[in-house]
Amino acid sequence: MPTTKSASEHITDEVTAWPGVNAVTGERGEWSFRVGDEELGHLHGDRVAHFGFPRDVGSRLRDEGRVGPHPVNRHSPRLAARDLTTPADVDDVIALMRLNYDRIAATD
């Protein structure tokens, strides 16, 4: 019988396949994707992904409806959250992680 991967398993498999990306448990129990000291984003189980973006990028992503406010600071355009409800959410979380990965890799 085939098994279906959970959202976090699918995201982990995809994101950790990129050069230099490690996944580690963070200080608050979150599953964090990192390149060196930089975080691409992190997961809270199969429920939600959290991100940090430059202010202009975070504002644009909110305007596009791709992310919503982060629960720690709902007013900061730098901090963002994305629920993991559908397969499309999982795919977009991977794309959002890639957005941060490409930005971080360009500064190395």
PDB file of N, CA and C in Angstrom:
ATOM      1  N   MET A   1       0.855  -1.181   0.000  1.00  0.00           N
ATOM      2  CA  MET A   1       0.000   0.000   0.000  1.00  0.00           C
ATOM      3  C   MET A   1       0.895   1.236   0.000  1.00  0.00           C
ATOM      4  N   PRO A   2       0.729   2.146  -0.987  1.00  0.00           N
ATOM      5  CA  PRO A   2       1.547   3.356  -1.022  1.00  0.00           C
ATOM      6  C   PRO A   2       1.173   4.303   0.112  1.00  0.00           C
ATOM      7  N   THR A   3       2.166   5.022   0.598  1.00  0.00           N
ATOM      8  CA  THR A   3       1.911   6.008   1.636  1.00  0.00           C
ATOM      9  C   THR A   3       2.080   7.399   1.045  1.00  0.00           C
ATOM     10  N   THR A   4       1.327   8.319   1.553  1.00  0.00           N
ATOM     11  CA  THR A   4       1.405   9.705   1.128  1.00  0.00           C
ATOM     12  C   THR A   4       2.257  10.465   2.131  1.00  0.00           C
ATOM     13  N   LYS A   5       3.159  11.283   1.623  1.00  0.00           N
ATOM     14  CA  LYS A   5       3.995  12.098   2.510  1.00  0.00           C
ATOM     15  C   LYS A   5       3.161  13.205   3.144  1.00  0.00           C
ATOM     16  N   SER A   6       3.523  13.528   4.370  1.00  0.00           N
ATOM     17  CA  SER A   6       2.899  14.676   5.022  1.00  0.00           C
ATOM     18  C   SER A   6       3.438  15.956   4.381  1.00  0.00           C
ATOM     19  N   ALA A   7       2.795  17.059   4.671  1.00  0.00           N
ATOM     20  CA  ALA A   7       3.249  18.354   4.142  1.00  0.00           C
ATOM     21  C   ALA A   7       4.687  18.632   4.559  1.00  0.00           C
ATOM     22  N   SER A   8       4.994  18.424   5.830  1.00  0.00           N
ATOM     23  CA  SER A   8       6.349  18.717   6.308  1.00  0.00           C
ATOM     24  C   SER A   8       7.380  17.780   5.687  1.00  0.00           C
ATOM     25  N   GLU A   9       7.025  16.522   5.481  1.00  0.00           N
ATOM     26  CA  GLU A   9       7.945  15.586   4.832  1.00  0.00           C
ATOM     27  C   GLU A   9       8.223  15.993   3.392  1.00  0.00           C
ATOM     28  N   HIS A  10       7.180  16.375   2.683  1.00  0.00           N
ATOM     29  CA  HIS A  10       7.345  16.797   1.285  1.00  0.00           C
ATOM     30  C   HIS A  10       8.222  18.053   1.197  1.00  0.00           C
ATOM     31  N   ILE A  11       7.944  19.032   2.031  1.00  0.00           N
ATOM     32  CA  ILE A  11       8.731  20.269   2.042  1.00  0.00           C
ATOM     33  C   ILE A  11      10.181  19.959   2.411  1.00  0.00           C
ATOM     34  N   THR A  12      10.388  19.144   3.427  1.00  0.00           N
ATOM     35  CA  THR A  12      11.742  18.796   3.850  1.00  0.00           C
ATOM     36  C   THR A  12      12.512  18.107   2.729  1.00  0.00           C
ATOM     37  N   ASP A  13      11.890  17.141   2.070  1.00  0.00           N
ATOM     38  CA  ASP A  13      12.556  16.442   0.967  1.00  0.00           C
ATOM     39  C   ASP A  13      12.977  17.399  -0.135  1.00  0.00           C
ATOM     40  N   GLU A  14      12.108  18.322  -0.486  1.00  0.00           N
ATOM     41  CA  GLU A  14      12.406  19.267  -1.570  1.00  0.00           C
ATOM     42  C   GLU A  14      13.481  20.274  -1.168  1.00  0.00           C
ATOM     43  N   VAL A  15      13.294  20.925  -0.033  1.00  0.00           N
ATOM     44  CA  VAL A  15      14.163  22.040   0.355  1.00  0.00           C
ATOM     45  C   VAL A  15      15.554  21.562   0.744  1.00  0.00           C
ATOM     46  N   THR A  16      15.654  20.428   1.412  1.00  0.00           N
ATOM     47  CA  THR A  16      16.989  19.951   1.806  1.00  0.00           C
ATOM     48  C   THR A  16      17.766  19.369   0.626  1.00  0.00           C
ATOM     49  N   ALA A  17      17.144  19.228  -0.525  1.00  0.00           N
ATOM     50  CA  ALA A  17      17.858  18.785  -1.730  1.00  0.00           C
ATOM     51  C   ALA A  17      18.668  19.925  -2.363  1.00  0.00           C
ATOM     52  N   TRP A  18      18.416  21.175  -1.944  1.00  0.00           N
ATOM     53  CA  TRP A  18      19.152  22.314  -2.480  1.00  0.00           C
ATOM     54  C   TRP A  18      20.525  22.383  -1.827  1.00  0.00           C
ATOM     55  N   PRO A  19      21.543  22.749  -2.578  1.00  0.00           N
ATOM     56  CA  PRO A  19      22.908  22.793  -2.018  1.00  0.00           C
ATOM     57  C   PRO A  19      23.006  23.689  -0.781  1.00  0.00           C
ATOM     58  N   GLY A  20      23.599  23.132   0.276  1.00  0.00           N
ATOM     59  CA  GLY A  20      23.877  23.901   1.488  1.00  0.00           C
ATOM     60  C   GLY A  20      22.744  24.017   2.475  1.00  0.00           C
ATOM     61  N   VAL A  21      21.575  23.451   2.176  1.00  0.00           N
ATOM     62  CA  VAL A  21      20.426  23.590   3.077  1.00  0.00           C
ATOM     63  C   VAL A  21      20.423  22.457   4.094  1.00  0.00           C
ATOM     64  N   ASN A  22      20.260  22.839   5.349  1.00  0.00           N
ATOM     65  CA  ASN A  22      20.112  21.890   6.453  1.00  0.00           C
ATOM     66  C   ASN A  22      18.785  22.153   7.141  1.00  0.00           C
ATOM     67  N   ALA A  23      18.189  21.092   7.665  1.00  0.00           N
ATOM     68  CA  ALA A  23      16.970  21.228   8.459  1.00  0.00           C
ATOM     69  C   ALA A  23      17.298  20.817   9.888  1.00  0.00           C
ATOM     70  N   VAL A  24      16.963  21.680  10.821  1.00  0.00           N
ATOM     71  CA  VAL A  24      17.268  21.436  12.231  1.00  0.00           C
ATOM     72  C   VAL A  24      16.090  21.868  13.097  1.00  0.00           C
ATOM     73  N   THR A  25      16.014  21.291  14.263  1.00  0.00           N
ATOM     74  CA  THR A  25      15.011  21.721  15.229  1.00  0.00           C
ATOM     75  C   THR A  25      15.480  23.025  15.861  1.00  0.00           C
ATOM     76  N   GLY A  26      14.613  24.025  15.828  1.00  0.00           N
ATOM     77  CA  GLY A  26      14.951  25.335  16.368  1.00  0.00           C
ATOM     78  C   GLY A  26      14.741  25.416  17.871  1.00  0.00           C
ATOM     79  N   GLU A  27      15.016  26.579  18.408  1.00  0.00           N
ATOM     80  CA  GLU A  27      14.945  26.820  19.850  1.00  0.00           C
ATOM     81  C   GLU A  27      13.543  26.658  20.427  1.00  0.00           C
ATOM     82  N   ARG A  28      12.521  26.845  19.608  1.00  0.00           N
ATOM     83  CA  ARG A  28      11.137  26.750  20.080  1.00  0.00           C
ATOM     84  C   ARG A  28      10.436  25.500  19.561  1.00  0.00           C
ATOM     85  N   GLY A  29      11.230  24.539  19.067  1.00  0.00           N
ATOM     86  CA  GLY A  29      10.666  23.297  18.578  1.00  0.00           C
ATOM     87  C   GLY A  29      10.243  23.323  17.120  1.00  0.00           C
ATOM     88  N   GLU A  30      10.460  24.435  16.443  1.00  0.00           N
ATOM     89  CA  GLU A  30      10.104  24.536  15.030  1.00  0.00           C
ATOM     90  C   GLU A  30      11.116  23.764  14.177  1.00  0.00           C
ATOM     91  N   TRP A  31      10.734  23.379  12.976  1.00  0.00           N
ATOM     92  CA  TRP A  31      11.596  22.683  12.025  1.00  0.00           C
ATOM     93  C   TRP A  31      12.121  23.737  11.063  1.00  0.00           C
ATOM     94  N   SER A  32      13.393  24.108  11.254  1.00  0.00           N
ATOM     95  CA  SER A  32      13.997  25.261  10.589  1.00  0.00           C
ATOM     96  C   SER A  32      14.872  24.834   9.413  1.00  0.00           C
ATOM     97  N   PHE A  33      14.719  25.530   8.294  1.00  0.00           N
ATOM     98  CA  PHE A  33      15.542  25.307   7.104  1.00  0.00           C
ATOM     99  C   PHE A  33      16.569  26.425   7.026  1.00  0.00           C
ATOM    100  N   ARG A  34      17.856  26.034   6.998  1.00  0.00           N
ATOM    101  CA  ARG A  34      18.928  27.014   7.114  1.00  0.00           C
ATOM    102  C   ARG A  34      19.995  26.799   6.060  1.00  0.00           C
ATOM    103  N   VAL A  35      20.601  27.912   5.673  1.00  0.00           N
ATOM    104  CA  VAL A  35      21.834  27.921   4.888  1.00  0.00           C
ATOM    105  C   VAL A  35      22.824  28.685   5.752  1.00  0.00           C
ATOM    106  N   GLY A  36      23.772  27.966   6.339  1.00  0.00           N
ATOM    107  CA  GLY A  36      24.669  28.602   7.295  1.00  0.00           C
ATOM    108  C   GLY A  36      23.861  29.136   8.462  1.00  0.00           C
ATOM    109  N   ASP A  37      24.043  30.418   8.768  1.00  0.00           N
ATOM    110  CA  ASP A  37      23.318  31.055   9.873  1.00  0.00           C
ATOM    111  C   ASP A  37      21.987  31.668   9.445  1.00  0.00           C
ATOM    112  N   GLU A  38      21.686  31.615   8.166  1.00  0.00           N
ATOM    113  CA  GLU A  38      20.474  32.251   7.638  1.00  0.00           C
ATOM    114  C   GLU A  38      19.323  31.260   7.561  1.00  0.00           C
ATOM    115  N   GLU A  39      18.156  31.682   8.027  1.00  0.00           N
ATOM    116  CA  GLU A  39      16.977  30.827   7.952  1.00  0.00           C
ATOM    117  C   GLU A  39      16.161  31.162   6.706  1.00  0.00           C
ATOM    118  N   LEU A  40      15.787  30.114   5.966  1.00  0.00           N
ATOM    119  CA  LEU A  40      14.894  30.273   4.816  1.00  0.00           C
ATOM    120  C   LEU A  40      13.453  30.400   5.280  1.00  0.00           C
ATOM    121  N   GLY A  41      13.147  29.713   6.353  1.00  0.00           N
ATOM    122  CA  GLY A  41      11.809  29.677   6.920  1.00  0.00           C
ATOM    123  C   GLY A  41      11.748  28.483   7.848  1.00  0.00           C
ATOM    124  N   HIS A  42      10.624  28.324   8.517  1.00  0.00           N
ATOM    125  CA  HIS A  42      10.474  27.163   9.381  1.00  0.00           C
ATOM    126  C   HIS A  42       9.026  26.709   9.413  1.00  0.00           C
ATOM    127  N   LEU A  43       8.859  25.460   9.830  1.00  0.00           N
ATOM    128  CA  LEU A  43       7.543  24.835   9.899  1.00  0.00           C
ATOM    129  C   LEU A  43       7.162  24.571  11.343  1.00  0.00           C
ATOM    130  N   HIS A  44       5.884  24.655  11.594  1.00  0.00           N
ATOM    131  CA  HIS A  44       5.310  24.195  12.847  1.00  0.00           C
ATOM    132  C   HIS A  44       4.437  22.998  12.479  1.00  0.00           C
ATOM    133  N   GLY A  45       5.072  21.836  12.479  1.00  0.00           N
ATOM    134  CA  GLY A  45       4.377  20.609  12.093  1.00  0.00           C
ATOM    135  C   GLY A  45       3.885  20.694  10.660  1.00  0.00           C
ATOM    136  N   ASP A  46       2.701  20.195  10.439  1.00  0.00           N
ATOM    137  CA  ASP A  46       2.066  20.227   9.120  1.00  0.00           C
ATOM    138  C   ASP A  46       0.998  21.314   9.054  1.00  0.00           C
ATOM    139  N   ARG A  47       1.093  22.283   9.964  1.00  0.00           N
ATOM    140  CA  ARG A  47       0.051  23.308  10.073  1.00  0.00           C
ATOM    141  C   ARG A  47       0.385  24.619   9.386  1.00  0.00           C
ATOM    142  N   VAL A  48       1.615  25.117   9.610  1.00  0.00           N
ATOM    143  CA  VAL A  48       1.930  26.472   9.170  1.00  0.00           C
ATOM    144  C   VAL A  48       3.429  26.612   8.928  1.00  0.00           C
ATOM    145  N   ALA A  49       3.764  27.489   7.989  1.00  0.00           N
ATOM    146  CA  ALA A  49       5.152  27.879   7.734  1.00  0.00           C
ATOM    147  C   ALA A  49       5.309  29.343   8.094  1.00  0.00           C
ATOM    148  N   HIS A  50       6.468  29.683   8.651  1.00  0.00           N
ATOM    149  CA  HIS A  50       6.793  31.071   8.994  1.00  0.00           C
ATOM    150  C   HIS A  50       8.054  31.487   8.253  1.00  0.00           C
ATOM    151  N   PHE A  51       8.093  32.755   7.879  1.00  0.00           N
ATOM    152  CA  PHE A  51       9.189  33.295   7.083  1.00  0.00           C
ATOM    153  C   PHE A  51       9.588  34.674   7.583  1.00  0.00           C
ATOM    154  N   GLY A  52      10.805  35.052   7.245  1.00  0.00           N
ATOM    155  CA  GLY A  52      11.274  36.421   7.358  1.00  0.00           C
ATOM    156  C   GLY A  52      11.738  36.862   5.979  1.00  0.00           C
ATOM    157  N   PHE A  53      11.275  37.998   5.512  1.00  0.00           N
ATOM    158  CA  PHE A  53      11.630  38.534   4.204  1.00  0.00           C
ATOM    159  C   PHE A  53      12.092  39.982   4.354  1.00  0.00           C
ATOM    160  N   PRO A  54      12.834  40.489   3.388  1.00  0.00           N
ATOM    161  CA  PRO A  54      13.060  41.933   3.364  1.00  0.00           C
ATOM    162  C   PRO A  54      11.696  42.641   3.308  1.00  0.00           C
ATOM    163  N   ARG A  55      11.634  43.815   3.861  1.00  0.00           N
ATOM    164  CA  ARG A  55      10.368  44.550   3.981  1.00  0.00           C
ATOM    165  C   ARG A  55       9.600  44.648   2.650  1.00  0.00           C
ATOM    166  N   ASP A  56      10.291  45.001   1.571  1.00  0.00           N
ATOM    167  CA  ASP A  56       9.603  45.168   0.284  1.00  0.00           C
ATOM    168  C   ASP A  56       9.069  43.840  -0.244  1.00  0.00           C
ATOM    169  N   VAL A  57       9.819  42.782  -0.064  1.00  0.00           N
ATOM    170  CA  VAL A  57       9.382  41.462  -0.531  1.00  0.00           C
ATOM    171  C   VAL A  57       8.186  40.991   0.291  1.00  0.00           C
ATOM    172  N   GLY A  58       8.271  41.111   1.608  1.00  0.00           N
ATOM    173  CA  GLY A  58       7.158  40.709   2.463  1.00  0.00           C
ATOM    174  C   GLY A  58       5.882  41.481   2.154  1.00  0.00           C
ATOM    175  N   SER A  59       6.005  42.778   1.904  1.00  0.00           N
ATOM    176  CA  SER A  59       4.827  43.596   1.559  1.00  0.00           C
ATOM    177  C   SER A  59       4.212  43.130   0.249  1.00  0.00           C
ATOM    178  N   ARG A  60       5.060  42.868  -0.738  1.00  0.00           N
ATOM    179  CA  ARG A  60       4.561  42.403  -2.047  1.00  0.00           C
ATOM    180  C   ARG A  60       3.860  41.055  -1.910  1.00  0.00           C
ATOM    181  N   LEU A  61       4.459  40.134  -1.158  1.00  0.00           N
ATOM    182  CA  LEU A  61       3.861  38.809  -0.982  1.00  0.00           C
ATOM    183  C   LEU A  61       2.526  38.893  -0.254  1.00  0.00           C
ATOM    184  N   ARG A  62       2.405  39.804   0.705  1.00  0.00           N
ATOM    185  CA  ARG A  62       1.111  40.007   1.381  1.00  0.00           C
ATOM    186  C   ARG A  62       0.090  40.565   0.410  1.00  0.00           C
ATOM    187  N   ASP A  63       0.503  41.562  -0.377  1.00  0.00           N
ATOM    188  CA  ASP A  63      -0.411  42.154  -1.360  1.00  0.00           C
ATOM    189  C   ASP A  63      -0.902  41.109  -2.358  1.00  0.00           C
ATOM    190  N   GLU A  64      -0.035  40.158  -2.702  1.00  0.00           N
ATOM    191  CA  GLU A  64      -0.388  39.085  -3.645  1.00  0.00           C
ATOM    192  C   GLU A  64      -1.234  38.001  -2.983  1.00  0.00           C
ATOM    193  N   GLY A  65      -1.372  38.043  -1.655  1.00  0.00           N
ATOM    194  CA  GLY A  65      -2.142  37.040  -0.941  1.00  0.00           C
ATOM    195  C   GLY A  65      -1.407  35.723  -0.727  1.00  0.00           C
ATOM    196  N   ARG A  66      -0.098  35.721  -0.948  1.00  0.00           N
ATOM    197  CA  ARG A  66       0.677  34.480  -0.793  1.00  0.00           C
ATOM    198  C   ARG A  66       1.049  34.209   0.651  1.00  0.00           C
ATOM    199  N   VAL A  67       1.111  35.241   1.475  1.00  0.00           N
ATOM    200  CA  VAL A  67       1.400  35.095   2.900  1.00  0.00           C
ATOM    201  C   VAL A  67       0.472  36.006   3.682  1.00  0.00           C
ATOM    202  N   GLY A  68       0.365  35.688   4.944  1.00  0.00           N
ATOM    203  CA  GLY A  68      -0.389  36.532   5.858  1.00  0.00           C
ATOM    204  C   GLY A  68       0.506  36.977   6.990  1.00  0.00           C
ATOM    205  N   PRO A  69      -0.055  37.674   7.947  1.00  0.00           N
ATOM    206  CA  PRO A  69       0.745  38.165   9.065  1.00  0.00           C
ATOM    207  C   PRO A  69       1.266  37.032   9.942  1.00  0.00           C
ATOM    208  N   HIS A  70       2.430  37.255  10.505  1.00  0.00           N
ATOM    209  CA  HIS A  70       3.035  36.325  11.463  1.00  0.00           C
ATOM    210  C   HIS A  70       2.399  36.585  12.825  1.00  0.00           C
ATOM    211  N   PRO A  71       2.087  35.548  13.587  1.00  0.00           N
ATOM    212  CA  PRO A  71       1.383  35.772  14.855  1.00  0.00           C
ATOM    213  C   PRO A  71       2.195  36.526  15.908  1.00  0.00           C
ATOM    214  N   VAL A  72       3.507  36.534  15.814  1.00  0.00           N
ATOM    215  CA  VAL A  72       4.322  37.232  16.810  1.00  0.00           C
ATOM    216  C   VAL A  72       4.263  38.740  16.613  1.00  0.00           C
ATOM    217  N   ASN A  73       4.273  39.183  15.365  1.00  0.00           N
ATOM    218  CA  ASN A  73       4.193  40.617  15.063  1.00  0.00           C
ATOM    219  C   ASN A  73       3.355  40.782  13.806  1.00  0.00           C
ATOM    220  N   ARG A  74       2.069  40.911  13.994  1.00  0.00           N
ATOM    221  CA  ARG A  74       1.109  40.945  12.880  1.00  0.00           C
ATOM    222  C   ARG A  74       1.282  42.157  11.971  1.00  0.00           C
ATOM    223  N   HIS A  75       1.945  43.194  12.456  1.00  0.00           N
ATOM    224  CA  HIS A  75       2.052  44.424  11.681  1.00  0.00           C
ATOM    225  C   HIS A  75       3.349  44.523  10.882  1.00  0.00           C
ATOM    226  N   SER A  76       4.285  43.657  11.143  1.00  0.00           N
ATOM    227  CA  SER A  76       5.565  43.713  10.447  1.00  0.00           C
ATOM    228  C   SER A  76       5.455  43.090   9.058  1.00  0.00           C
ATOM    229  N   PRO A  77       5.783  43.842   8.004  1.00  0.00           N
ATOM    230  CA  PRO A  77       5.780  43.256   6.663  1.00  0.00           C
ATOM    231  C   PRO A  77       6.947  42.291   6.454  1.00  0.00           C
ATOM    232  N   ARG A  78       7.925  42.314   7.360  1.00  0.00           N
ATOM    233  CA  ARG A  78       9.078  41.409   7.247  1.00  0.00           C
ATOM    234  C   ARG A  78       8.730  39.982   7.666  1.00  0.00           C
ATOM    235  N   LEU A  79       7.834  39.831   8.612  1.00  0.00           N
ATOM    236  CA  LEU A  79       7.476  38.513   9.125  1.00  0.00           C
ATOM    237  C   LEU A  79       6.188  38.041   8.475  1.00  0.00           C
ATOM    238  N   ALA A  80       6.137  36.747   8.117  1.00  0.00           N
ATOM    239  CA  ALA A  80       4.993  36.241   7.376  1.00  0.00           C
ATOM    240  C   ALA A  80       4.675  34.807   7.770  1.00  0.00           C
ATOM    241  N   ALA A  81       3.441  34.406   7.494  1.00  0.00           N
ATOM    242  CA  ALA A  81       2.985  33.048   7.764  1.00  0.00           C
ATOM    243  C   ALA A  81       2.188  32.543   6.574  1.00  0.00           C
ATOM    244  N   ARG A  82       2.205  31.223   6.404  1.00  0.00           N
ATOM    245  CA  ARG A  82       1.399  30.587   5.359  1.00  0.00           C
ATOM    246  C   ARG A  82       0.878  29.277   5.920  1.00  0.00           C
ATOM    247  N   ASP A  83      -0.441  29.129   5.947  1.00  0.00           N
ATOM    248  CA  ASP A  83      -1.051  27.886   6.405  1.00  0.00           C
ATOM    249  C   ASP A  83      -0.755  26.772   5.409  1.00  0.00           C
ATOM    250  N   LEU A  84      -0.703  25.557   5.919  1.00  0.00           N
ATOM    251  CA  LEU A  84      -0.491  24.372   5.087  1.00  0.00           C
ATOM    252  C   LEU A  84      -1.784  23.560   5.076  1.00  0.00           C
ATOM    253  N   THR A  85      -2.694  23.974   4.200  1.00  0.00           N
ATOM    254  CA  THR A  85      -4.006  23.349   4.147  1.00  0.00           C
ATOM    255  C   THR A  85      -4.185  22.470   2.912  1.00  0.00           C
ATOM    256  N   THR A  86      -3.630  22.908   1.800  1.00  0.00           N
ATOM    257  CA  THR A  86      -3.828  22.217   0.522  1.00  0.00           C
ATOM    258  C   THR A  86      -2.482  21.873  -0.124  1.00  0.00           C
ATOM    259  N   PRO A  87      -2.486  20.990  -1.109  1.00  0.00           N
ATOM    260  CA  PRO A  87      -1.250  20.739  -1.855  1.00  0.00           C
ATOM    261  C   PRO A  87      -0.685  22.005  -2.500  1.00  0.00           C
ATOM    262  N   ALA A  88      -1.541  22.922  -2.920  1.00  0.00           N
ATOM    263  CA  ALA A  88      -1.067  24.186  -3.490  1.00  0.00           C
ATOM    264  C   ALA A  88      -0.321  25.010  -2.437  1.00  0.00           C
ATOM    265  N   ASP A  89      -0.767  24.966  -1.186  1.00  0.00           N
ATOM    266  CA  ASP A  89      -0.057  25.657  -0.107  1.00  0.00           C
ATOM    267  C   ASP A  89       1.342  25.078   0.064  1.00  0.00           C
ATOM    268  N   VAL A  90       1.450  23.761   0.036  1.00  0.00           N
ATOM    269  CA  VAL A  90       2.745  23.101   0.178  1.00  0.00           C
ATOM    270  C   VAL A  90       3.676  23.532  -0.954  1.00  0.00           C
ATOM    271  N   ASP A  91       3.163  23.526  -2.173  1.00  0.00           N
ATOM    272  CA  ASP A  91       3.980  23.944  -3.322  1.00  0.00           C
ATOM    273  C   ASP A  91       4.423  25.394  -3.192  1.00  0.00           C
ATOM    274  N   ASP A  92       3.536  26.265  -2.723  1.00  0.00           N
ATOM    275  CA  ASP A  92       3.913  27.674  -2.604  1.00  0.00           C
ATOM    276  C   ASP A  92       4.877  27.898  -1.444  1.00  0.00           C
ATOM    277  N   VAL A  93       4.761  27.127  -0.372  1.00  0.00           N
ATOM    278  CA  VAL A  93       5.733  27.233   0.717  1.00  0.00           C
ATOM    279  C   VAL A  93       7.122  26.864   0.198  1.00  0.00           C
ATOM    280  N   ILE A  94       7.202  25.833  -0.623  1.00  0.00           N
ATOM    281  CA  ILE A  94       8.488  25.474  -1.228  1.00  0.00           C
ATOM    282  C   ILE A  94       8.988  26.630  -2.093  1.00  0.00           C
ATOM    283  N   ALA A  95       8.116  27.243  -2.869  1.00  0.00           N
ATOM    284  CA  ALA A  95       8.503  28.382  -3.707  1.00  0.00           C
ATOM    285  C   ALA A  95       8.951  29.575  -2.858  1.00  0.00           C
ATOM    286  N   LEU A  96       8.297  29.805  -1.730  1.00  0.00           N
ATOM    287  CA  LEU A  96       8.683  30.903  -0.844  1.00  0.00           C
ATOM    288  C   LEU A  96      10.034  30.627  -0.193  1.00  0.00           C
ATOM    289  N   MET A  97      10.266  29.377   0.180  1.00  0.00           N
ATOM    290  CA  MET A  97      11.591  29.009   0.708  1.00  0.00           C
ATOM    291  C   MET A  97      12.648  29.237  -0.372  1.00  0.00           C
ATOM    292  N   ARG A  98      12.310  28.897  -1.619  1.00  0.00           N
ATOM    293  CA  ARG A  98      13.257  29.075  -2.723  1.00  0.00           C
ATOM    294  C   ARG A  98      13.550  30.558  -2.951  1.00  0.00           C
ATOM    295  N   LEU A  99      12.548  31.383  -2.788  1.00  0.00           N
ATOM    296  CA  LEU A  99      12.739  32.824  -2.910  1.00  0.00           C
ATOM    297  C   LEU A  99      13.792  33.299  -1.912  1.00  0.00           C
ATOM    298  N   ASN A 100      13.693  32.855  -0.670  1.00  0.00           N
ATOM    299  CA  ASN A 100      14.699  33.215   0.326  1.00  0.00           C
ATOM    300  C   ASN A 100      16.048  32.559   0.019  1.00  0.00           C
ATOM    301  N   TYR A 101      16.019  31.317  -0.429  1.00  0.00           N
ATOM    302  CA  TYR A 101      17.264  30.624  -0.764  1.00  0.00           C
ATOM    303  C   TYR A 101      18.021  31.378  -1.864  1.00  0.00           C
ATOM    304  N   ASP A 102      17.335  31.747  -2.915  1.00  0.00           N
ATOM    305  CA  ASP A 102      17.981  32.458  -4.022  1.00  0.00           C
ATOM    306  C   ASP A 102      18.528  33.808  -3.570  1.00  0.00           C
ATOM    307  N   ARG A 103      17.803  34.488  -2.710  1.00  0.00           N
ATOM    308  CA  ARG A 103      18.262  35.790  -2.186  1.00  0.00           C
ATOM    309  C   ARG A 103      19.496  35.608  -1.327  1.00  0.00           C
ATOM    310  N   ILE A 104      19.498  34.615  -0.456  1.00  0.00           N
ATOM    311  CA  ILE A 104      20.629  34.373   0.435  1.00  0.00           C
ATOM    312  C   ILE A 104      21.844  33.898  -0.370  1.00  0.00           C
ATOM    313  N   ALA A 105      21.629  33.003  -1.314  1.00  0.00           N
ATOM    314  CA  ALA A 105      22.725  32.502  -2.130  1.00  0.00           C
ATOM    315  C   ALA A 105      23.377  33.616  -2.958  1.00  0.00           C
ATOM    316  N   ALA A 106      22.597  34.601  -3.356  1.00  0.00           N
ATOM    317  CA  ALA A 106      23.127  35.712  -4.152  1.00  0.00           C
ATOM    318  C   ALA A 106      24.029  36.623  -3.327  1.00  0.00           C
ATOM    319  N   THR A 107      23.875  36.608  -2.005  1.00  0.00           N
ATOM    320  CA  THR A 107      24.687  37.481  -1.150  1.00  0.00           C
ATOM    321  C   THR A 107      25.951  36.787  -0.648  1.00  0.00           C
ATOM    322  N   ASP A 108      26.063  35.481  -0.882  1.00  0.00           N
ATOM    323  CA  ASP A 108      27.269  34.748  -0.435  1.00  0.00           C
ATOM    324  C   ASP A 108      28.451  35.027  -1.316  1.00  0.00           C
TER     325      ASP A 108
END
